[in-house]
Amino acid sequence: MVGNTLSCSSDLTTEKHIDSELPKVVAVVGCGLIGSSWAALFAAYGLKVRVWDADPSNYESSLHRVKQALAQISRGRHRFSIDAASERISYFSTLEEALAEVEYVQEAVSDRIDVKLQIFERLDKLCDLHTVLASSTSSAPASEFASNLKGRARCLVAHPANPPHLLPIVEIVPATFTAEGTMVRTQRLMRSLEQNPVILKKEVVGFVMNRLQTALVNEAISLVDEDVIDPDGLDLIVSHSLGRRWAFMGPFETMDLNAAAGFLDYALKYKVNYERRGALLNVGKKWSDDTLRRIEASRRKIVPTNELVSRQLWRDENLVALLSLEPASEDISR
C-alpha cells in the first residue's frame, strides 16, 4: 500500500510522472550506526520513520544513538521538538510491517553484496512500484544488486558521509536503469533535509567520496609502512592542514585561491610537481599486517579501547560545532 501523496504511474521514466510532493512516511532498513543516524535525520525534519533490522536486539542501542543524534541535530543544524521527533520513529518486528505505506526506503544493512541482493529482492517484492529504494552502500553501484529486479527503475544509491545527521552531503548514484523521476524525487527529499545532494554522472566503484578517501588513506598507510612518519604524526598533519581547509572548501577551490590568477594559474605553475609526486605515490600498494598492527598500537595508546565510545561522542560534538559555524549550504546540483 502506498501513501496518498503519490500520484505517479508505473512509468517512472518521464518528467511528468514525478511526484509534486515530498514523502511523509519513510522506512529505514538496518539500524546500525548509519541507519540510526538516517532515522534521526528524517524524524528531525518532520517525517514519520518506520525502522526494521534483521536483529531486533539492535533496537535498544539504536534508540540510544537516535536520542543522541536528535540532540546533536537540534544544537547544530535545525531547531525542532526532540520529543515530537522521537514519537515519529517506530520500530517493527517484521519487514512487511515496516514497509506499510512508505514512500521512500533508505537501506542501511551490511555492505556485503550477497546481503544487498537479498534485501533488495525483498524490498522490490514488498514495496509498491512507486516507492523509491535507495541504498546507503559505501562502494557497490546499484547495478551490482538491483539489475534483475522488476522495479529496478526506482532503485539507486544515496550514499551519505558518516554520520549523515552531522555531515550534510549525499552522493546520488543512478544506474543506467534508474528513472529520471527516481533521481529527482531523491534529490528533492535530500534537499528538504538540508543535505547537499550531488548526482554522479555514472557509476564507479566507491563513488567519489570513498575513492578520494582511499587515495589518502592508502598513501598514509604506505608512509607509515616505509617508516617516513609515525601514525600520530600523520594524523596531526592532516587534521591541522588539509583537514582544516577541507572543512569548508574542496581541492579545486583550494587551488583556485592559492594563486593570484586562480585555478589555471596554480595548475600550470605546479603541474610538473604534482605529476612527479603522483608517479611516486603508493595508493595501489597492499596493506601490510605488521603496519596495521603498528597503527593500531599507536591509536590504543592515545585512545584505549574502553574509551572509543566517548571519543566517538567527542568527534560528533566537534562536528556539531562545525555545523553551527558554517555558512548556508551551497547546493552545486541546482
Protein backbone atom coordinates (compact mmCIF):
# COMPACT_ATOMS: atom_id res chain seq x y z
CA MET A 1 0.00 0.00 0.00
CA VAL A 2 1.28 3.48 -0.85
CA GLY A 3 0.79 6.78 0.97
CA ASN A 4 -1.72 9.05 -0.73
CA THR A 5 0.85 11.72 -1.64
CA LEU A 6 1.99 9.52 -4.52
CA SER A 7 0.27 10.02 -7.83
CA CYS A 8 2.74 8.79 -10.48
CA SER A 9 2.01 5.92 -12.81
CA SER A 10 4.10 2.78 -13.22
CA ASP A 11 6.15 4.65 -15.85
CA LEU A 12 8.80 6.45 -13.83
CA THR A 13 10.92 7.48 -16.78
CA THR A 14 9.40 10.82 -17.75
CA GLU A 15 9.30 14.18 -16.01
CA LYS A 16 5.51 14.39 -15.98
CA HIS A 17 5.31 11.37 -13.65
CA ILE A 18 7.48 12.91 -10.92
CA ASP A 19 5.62 13.46 -7.65
CA SER A 20 4.90 17.05 -6.75
CA GLU A 21 5.07 16.40 -3.01
CA LEU A 22 7.73 15.08 -0.69
CA PRO A 23 7.25 11.75 1.09
CA LYS A 24 5.66 11.86 4.52
CA VAL A 25 6.49 8.29 5.58
CA VAL A 26 9.88 6.64 5.06
CA ALA A 27 11.45 3.36 6.10
CA VAL A 28 14.98 2.76 7.31
CA VAL A 29 16.11 -0.84 6.80
CA GLY A 30 19.03 -1.64 9.08
CA CYS A 31 19.58 0.29 12.32
CA GLY A 32 23.31 0.28 12.89
CA LEU A 33 25.34 3.49 13.03
CA ILE A 34 24.26 4.73 9.59
CA GLY A 35 20.64 3.59 9.81
CA SER A 36 20.12 5.14 13.24
CA SER A 37 21.63 8.41 12.01
CA TRP A 38 19.31 8.42 8.98
CA ALA A 39 16.30 7.72 11.21
CA ALA A 40 17.12 10.69 13.43
CA LEU A 41 17.65 12.97 10.44
CA PHE A 42 14.36 12.02 8.77
CA ALA A 43 12.43 12.44 12.03
CA ALA A 44 14.07 15.78 12.84
CA TYR A 45 12.68 17.17 9.58
CA GLY A 46 9.13 16.03 10.22
CA LEU A 47 8.93 12.63 8.52
CA LYS A 48 7.41 9.53 10.05
CA VAL A 49 10.11 6.86 10.18
CA ARG A 50 9.50 3.11 10.26
CA VAL A 51 12.61 1.13 11.24
CA TRP A 52 13.39 -2.55 10.78
CA ASP A 53 16.51 -4.60 11.42
CA ALA A 54 17.10 -8.31 10.89
CA ASP A 55 18.29 -8.49 14.51
CA PRO A 56 15.74 -6.86 16.86
CA SER A 57 18.31 -6.93 19.66
CA ASN A 58 19.88 -3.94 17.90
CA TYR A 59 16.85 -1.76 18.63
CA GLU A 60 17.91 -0.76 22.15
CA SER A 61 21.30 0.54 21.03
CA SER A 62 19.66 2.20 18.03
CA LEU A 63 17.25 4.09 20.27
CA HIS A 64 20.20 5.37 22.29
CA ARG A 65 22.01 6.52 19.12
CA VAL A 66 18.86 8.19 17.80
CA LYS A 67 18.39 10.09 21.05
CA GLN A 68 21.97 11.38 20.89
CA ALA A 69 21.65 12.24 17.21
CA LEU A 70 18.42 14.20 17.68
CA ALA A 71 20.06 16.29 20.40
CA GLN A 72 23.05 16.96 18.14
CA ILE A 73 20.87 17.95 15.18
CA SER A 74 18.91 20.31 17.40
CA ARG A 75 22.08 22.05 18.58
CA GLY A 76 23.95 22.12 15.30
CA ARG A 77 21.71 22.47 12.28
CA HIS A 78 17.96 22.54 12.84
CA ARG A 79 15.60 23.60 15.64
CA PHE A 80 12.72 21.24 16.39
CA SER A 81 10.97 19.42 19.22
CA ILE A 82 13.09 16.41 20.17
CA ASP A 83 10.13 14.75 21.90
CA ALA A 84 7.92 15.15 18.84
CA ALA A 85 10.66 13.82 16.56
CA SER A 86 11.17 10.80 18.83
CA GLU A 87 7.48 9.98 18.60
CA ARG A 88 7.73 9.93 14.80
CA ILE A 89 10.12 6.95 14.90
CA SER A 90 8.73 3.42 15.23
CA TYR A 91 10.49 0.05 15.26
CA PHE A 92 8.88 -3.06 13.77
CA SER A 93 9.40 -6.78 14.22
CA THR A 94 8.80 -7.66 10.57
CA LEU A 95 9.92 -6.03 7.35
CA GLU A 96 6.38 -6.29 5.97
CA GLU A 97 5.05 -4.12 8.82
CA ALA A 98 7.86 -1.59 8.50
CA LEU A 99 7.21 -1.07 4.79
CA ALA A 100 3.47 -0.44 5.11
CA GLU A 101 2.53 2.80 3.35
CA VAL A 102 6.11 4.05 2.96
CA GLU A 103 7.03 6.24 0.01
CA TYR A 104 10.81 6.05 0.31
CA VAL A 105 13.16 3.38 1.70
CA GLN A 106 16.71 4.07 2.89
CA GLU A 107 18.54 0.75 3.09
CA ALA A 108 21.45 0.63 5.55
CA VAL A 109 22.29 -3.05 6.02
CA SER A 110 25.70 -4.73 5.71
CA ASP A 111 27.79 -3.68 2.70
CA ARG A 112 28.17 -7.30 1.57
CA ILE A 113 26.81 -7.78 -1.94
CA ASP A 114 25.02 -11.03 -1.06
CA VAL A 115 23.16 -9.22 1.73
CA LYS A 116 22.27 -6.32 -0.60
CA LEU A 117 20.96 -8.73 -3.23
CA GLN A 118 18.71 -10.48 -0.70
CA ILE A 119 17.32 -7.35 0.92
CA PHE A 120 16.63 -5.54 -2.37
CA GLU A 121 14.85 -8.60 -3.73
CA ARG A 122 12.59 -8.49 -0.67
CA LEU A 123 12.11 -4.72 -0.89
CA ASP A 124 11.20 -4.97 -4.56
CA LYS A 125 8.56 -7.61 -3.85
CA LEU A 126 7.06 -5.91 -0.79
CA CYS A 127 7.01 -2.24 -1.82
CA ASP A 128 4.68 -0.53 -4.23
CA LEU A 129 6.35 0.06 -7.60
CA HIS A 130 6.42 3.83 -6.99
CA THR A 131 8.36 3.60 -3.72
CA VAL A 132 11.97 4.76 -4.14
CA LEU A 133 14.52 2.20 -2.94
CA ALA A 134 17.80 3.92 -2.01
CA SER A 135 20.92 2.19 -0.73
CA SER A 136 23.42 3.68 1.70
CA THR A 137 26.17 1.43 0.32
CA SER A 138 29.63 2.94 0.53
CA SER A 139 31.07 1.23 -2.53
CA ALA A 140 28.82 -1.03 -4.64
CA PRO A 141 26.87 0.52 -7.55
CA ALA A 142 23.16 -0.29 -7.76
CA SER A 143 23.77 -2.28 -10.93
CA GLU A 144 25.52 -4.90 -8.76
CA PHE A 145 22.47 -5.66 -6.63
CA ALA A 146 19.35 -4.32 -8.40
CA SER A 147 19.82 -5.14 -12.11
CA ASN A 148 17.46 -8.11 -12.15
CA LEU A 149 14.63 -6.55 -10.17
CA LYS A 150 11.23 -5.90 -11.71
CA GLY A 151 11.16 -2.43 -10.18
CA ARG A 152 14.79 -1.55 -10.79
CA ALA A 153 13.86 1.84 -12.25
CA ARG A 154 13.10 3.09 -8.72
CA CYS A 155 16.47 1.89 -7.35
CA LEU A 156 19.62 3.95 -6.84
CA VAL A 157 22.38 4.70 -4.35
CA ALA A 158 22.06 7.58 -1.87
CA HIS A 159 25.45 7.36 -0.17
CA PRO A 160 25.91 9.62 2.88
CA ALA A 161 29.01 10.65 4.75
CA ASN A 162 29.22 9.11 8.22
CA PRO A 163 27.26 10.14 10.23
CA PRO A 164 24.64 11.57 7.84
CA HIS A 165 22.91 13.62 10.53
CA LEU A 166 26.10 15.69 11.01
CA LEU A 167 27.68 15.69 7.54
CA PRO A 168 25.27 17.33 5.07
CA ILE A 169 26.28 15.63 1.83
CA VAL A 170 24.78 12.74 -0.16
CA GLU A 171 26.12 11.16 -3.33
CA ILE A 172 23.18 10.21 -5.53
CA VAL A 173 24.38 7.47 -7.87
CA PRO A 174 21.94 6.22 -10.50
CA ALA A 175 22.41 3.07 -12.53
CA THR A 176 21.75 3.11 -16.26
CA PHE A 177 18.29 1.71 -15.49
CA THR A 178 17.38 4.29 -12.81
CA ALA A 179 14.49 6.50 -13.88
CA GLU A 180 14.94 10.26 -14.02
CA GLY A 181 11.95 10.64 -11.72
CA THR A 182 13.64 8.47 -9.09
CA MET A 183 16.70 10.73 -9.10
CA VAL A 184 14.65 13.91 -8.90
CA ARG A 185 12.47 12.64 -6.06
CA THR A 186 15.54 11.55 -4.07
CA GLN A 187 17.25 14.86 -4.74
CA ARG A 188 14.19 16.79 -3.54
CA LEU A 189 13.97 14.72 -0.39
CA MET A 190 17.63 15.26 0.46
CA ARG A 191 17.31 19.00 -0.09
CA SER A 192 14.34 19.05 2.29
CA LEU A 193 16.66 17.53 4.92
CA GLU A 194 19.19 20.33 4.27
CA GLN A 195 21.58 17.81 2.78
CA ASN A 196 23.59 18.71 -0.32
CA PRO A 197 22.70 16.11 -2.96
CA VAL A 198 25.31 15.64 -5.69
CA ILE A 199 24.35 13.45 -8.65
CA LEU A 200 27.19 11.40 -10.13
CA LYS A 201 27.18 11.20 -13.91
CA LYS A 202 27.93 7.48 -13.95
CA GLU A 203 28.55 4.52 -11.67
CA VAL A 204 32.07 3.92 -10.36
CA VAL A 205 33.02 1.57 -7.52
CA GLY A 206 33.50 3.59 -4.34
CA PHE A 207 31.76 6.61 -5.90
CA VAL A 208 33.66 9.89 -5.40
CA MET A 209 33.86 10.35 -1.63
CA ASN A 210 35.43 6.99 -0.89
CA ARG A 211 37.71 6.98 -3.93
CA LEU A 212 39.23 10.23 -2.68
CA GLN A 213 39.41 8.85 0.85
CA THR A 214 41.02 5.64 -0.43
CA ALA A 215 43.79 7.59 -2.19
CA LEU A 216 44.64 9.48 1.01
CA VAL A 217 44.33 6.51 3.39
CA ASN A 218 46.35 4.16 1.18
CA GLU A 219 49.17 6.66 0.86
CA ALA A 220 49.03 7.35 4.62
CA ILE A 221 49.43 3.65 5.42
CA SER A 222 52.28 3.40 2.91
CA LEU A 223 54.11 6.34 4.52
CA VAL A 224 53.91 4.61 7.91
CA ASP A 225 54.92 1.30 6.34
CA GLU A 226 58.05 2.91 4.87
CA ASP A 227 58.82 4.49 8.26
CA VAL A 228 58.55 8.04 6.90
CA ILE A 229 56.34 9.09 9.81
CA ASP A 230 54.62 7.72 12.91
CA PRO A 231 50.81 7.26 12.82
CA ASP A 232 50.08 10.02 15.33
CA GLY A 233 52.27 12.48 13.42
CA LEU A 234 50.44 11.73 10.18
CA ASP A 235 47.05 12.31 11.80
CA LEU A 236 48.35 15.61 13.19
CA ILE A 237 49.48 16.81 9.76
CA VAL A 238 46.13 16.01 8.15
CA SER A 239 43.96 17.41 10.95
CA HIS A 240 45.91 20.69 11.21
CA SER A 241 46.44 21.38 7.50
CA LEU A 242 44.40 19.67 4.78
CA GLY A 243 41.57 18.80 7.16
CA ARG A 244 41.10 22.39 8.29
CA ARG A 245 40.91 23.73 4.76
CA TRP A 246 38.75 20.89 3.52
CA ALA A 247 36.22 21.52 6.29
CA PHE A 248 34.79 24.34 4.17
CA MET A 249 36.23 24.03 0.65
CA GLY A 250 37.35 21.32 -1.74
CA PRO A 251 40.68 20.76 -3.51
CA PHE A 252 39.78 22.71 -6.66
CA GLU A 253 38.70 25.79 -4.71
CA THR A 254 41.85 25.44 -2.59
CA MET A 255 43.92 25.56 -5.78
CA ASP A 256 41.82 28.41 -7.14
CA LEU A 257 42.54 30.54 -4.07
CA ASN A 258 46.24 29.64 -3.83
CA ALA A 259 47.32 31.51 -6.96
CA ALA A 260 46.93 35.15 -7.94
CA ALA A 261 45.00 34.40 -11.13
CA GLY A 262 43.04 31.38 -9.95
CA PHE A 263 42.90 27.67 -10.69
CA LEU A 264 44.60 27.53 -14.08
CA ASP A 265 47.40 29.80 -12.87
CA TYR A 266 48.05 27.38 -9.98
CA ALA A 267 47.68 24.26 -12.11
CA LEU A 268 50.14 25.40 -14.78
CA LYS A 269 52.69 26.53 -12.18
CA TYR A 270 52.64 23.29 -10.17
CA LYS A 271 51.57 20.72 -12.77
CA VAL A 272 55.04 19.16 -13.08
CA ASN A 273 55.45 18.91 -9.28
CA TYR A 274 52.10 17.14 -8.89
CA GLU A 275 52.84 14.76 -11.75
CA ARG A 276 56.27 13.93 -10.30
CA ARG A 277 54.85 13.27 -6.83
CA GLY A 278 51.92 11.39 -8.28
CA ALA A 279 54.25 8.94 -10.01
CA LEU A 280 55.85 8.19 -6.63
CA LEU A 281 52.65 7.56 -4.68
CA ASN A 282 51.74 4.10 -3.40
CA VAL A 283 47.94 4.31 -3.47
CA GLY A 284 47.69 0.83 -5.00
CA LYS A 285 50.03 -0.82 -2.52
CA LYS A 286 48.64 -3.66 -0.39
CA TRP A 287 48.29 -3.04 3.34
CA SER A 288 50.94 -4.75 5.48
CA ASP A 289 49.55 -6.58 8.51
CA ASP A 290 52.57 -5.50 10.54
CA THR A 291 51.95 -1.85 9.65
CA LEU A 292 48.28 -2.14 10.54
CA ARG A 293 49.26 -3.51 13.94
CA ARG A 294 51.67 -0.59 14.43
CA ILE A 295 48.89 1.88 13.68
CA GLU A 296 46.51 0.00 15.99
CA ALA A 297 49.06 0.09 18.83
CA SER A 298 49.58 3.82 18.29
CA ARG A 299 45.84 4.50 18.38
CA ARG A 300 45.29 2.42 21.54
CA LYS A 301 47.98 4.40 23.36
CA ILE A 302 46.09 7.58 22.54
CA VAL A 303 42.55 6.20 22.98
CA PRO A 304 42.18 2.90 24.90
CA THR A 305 39.54 0.51 23.58
CA ASN A 306 37.23 1.19 26.53
CA GLU A 307 37.25 4.91 25.67
CA LEU A 308 36.34 4.59 21.98
CA VAL A 309 32.65 5.33 22.53
CA SER A 310 33.41 8.54 24.41
CA ARG A 311 35.91 9.51 21.70
CA GLN A 312 33.22 8.98 19.06
CA LEU A 313 31.00 11.34 21.02
CA TRP A 314 33.89 13.84 21.11
CA ARG A 315 34.10 13.57 17.31
CA ASP A 316 30.38 14.16 16.90
CA GLU A 317 30.40 17.15 19.23
CA ASN A 318 33.15 18.72 17.14
CA LEU A 319 31.09 18.08 14.00
CA VAL A 320 28.15 19.81 15.72
CA ALA A 321 30.40 22.80 16.41
CA LEU A 322 31.44 22.91 12.74
CA LEU A 323 27.81 22.83 11.65
CA SER A 324 26.98 25.78 13.86
CA LEU A 325 29.85 27.78 12.34
CA GLU A 326 29.46 27.03 8.66
CA PRO A 327 27.61 29.41 6.31
CA ALA A 328 24.43 28.49 4.45
CA SER A 329 24.83 25.27 2.45
CA GLU A 330 25.69 25.59 -1.22
CA ASP A 331 23.85 23.11 -3.42
CA ILE A 332 26.03 22.68 -6.52
CA SER A 333 23.42 20.44 -8.17
CA ARG A 334 20.96 23.27 -8.83
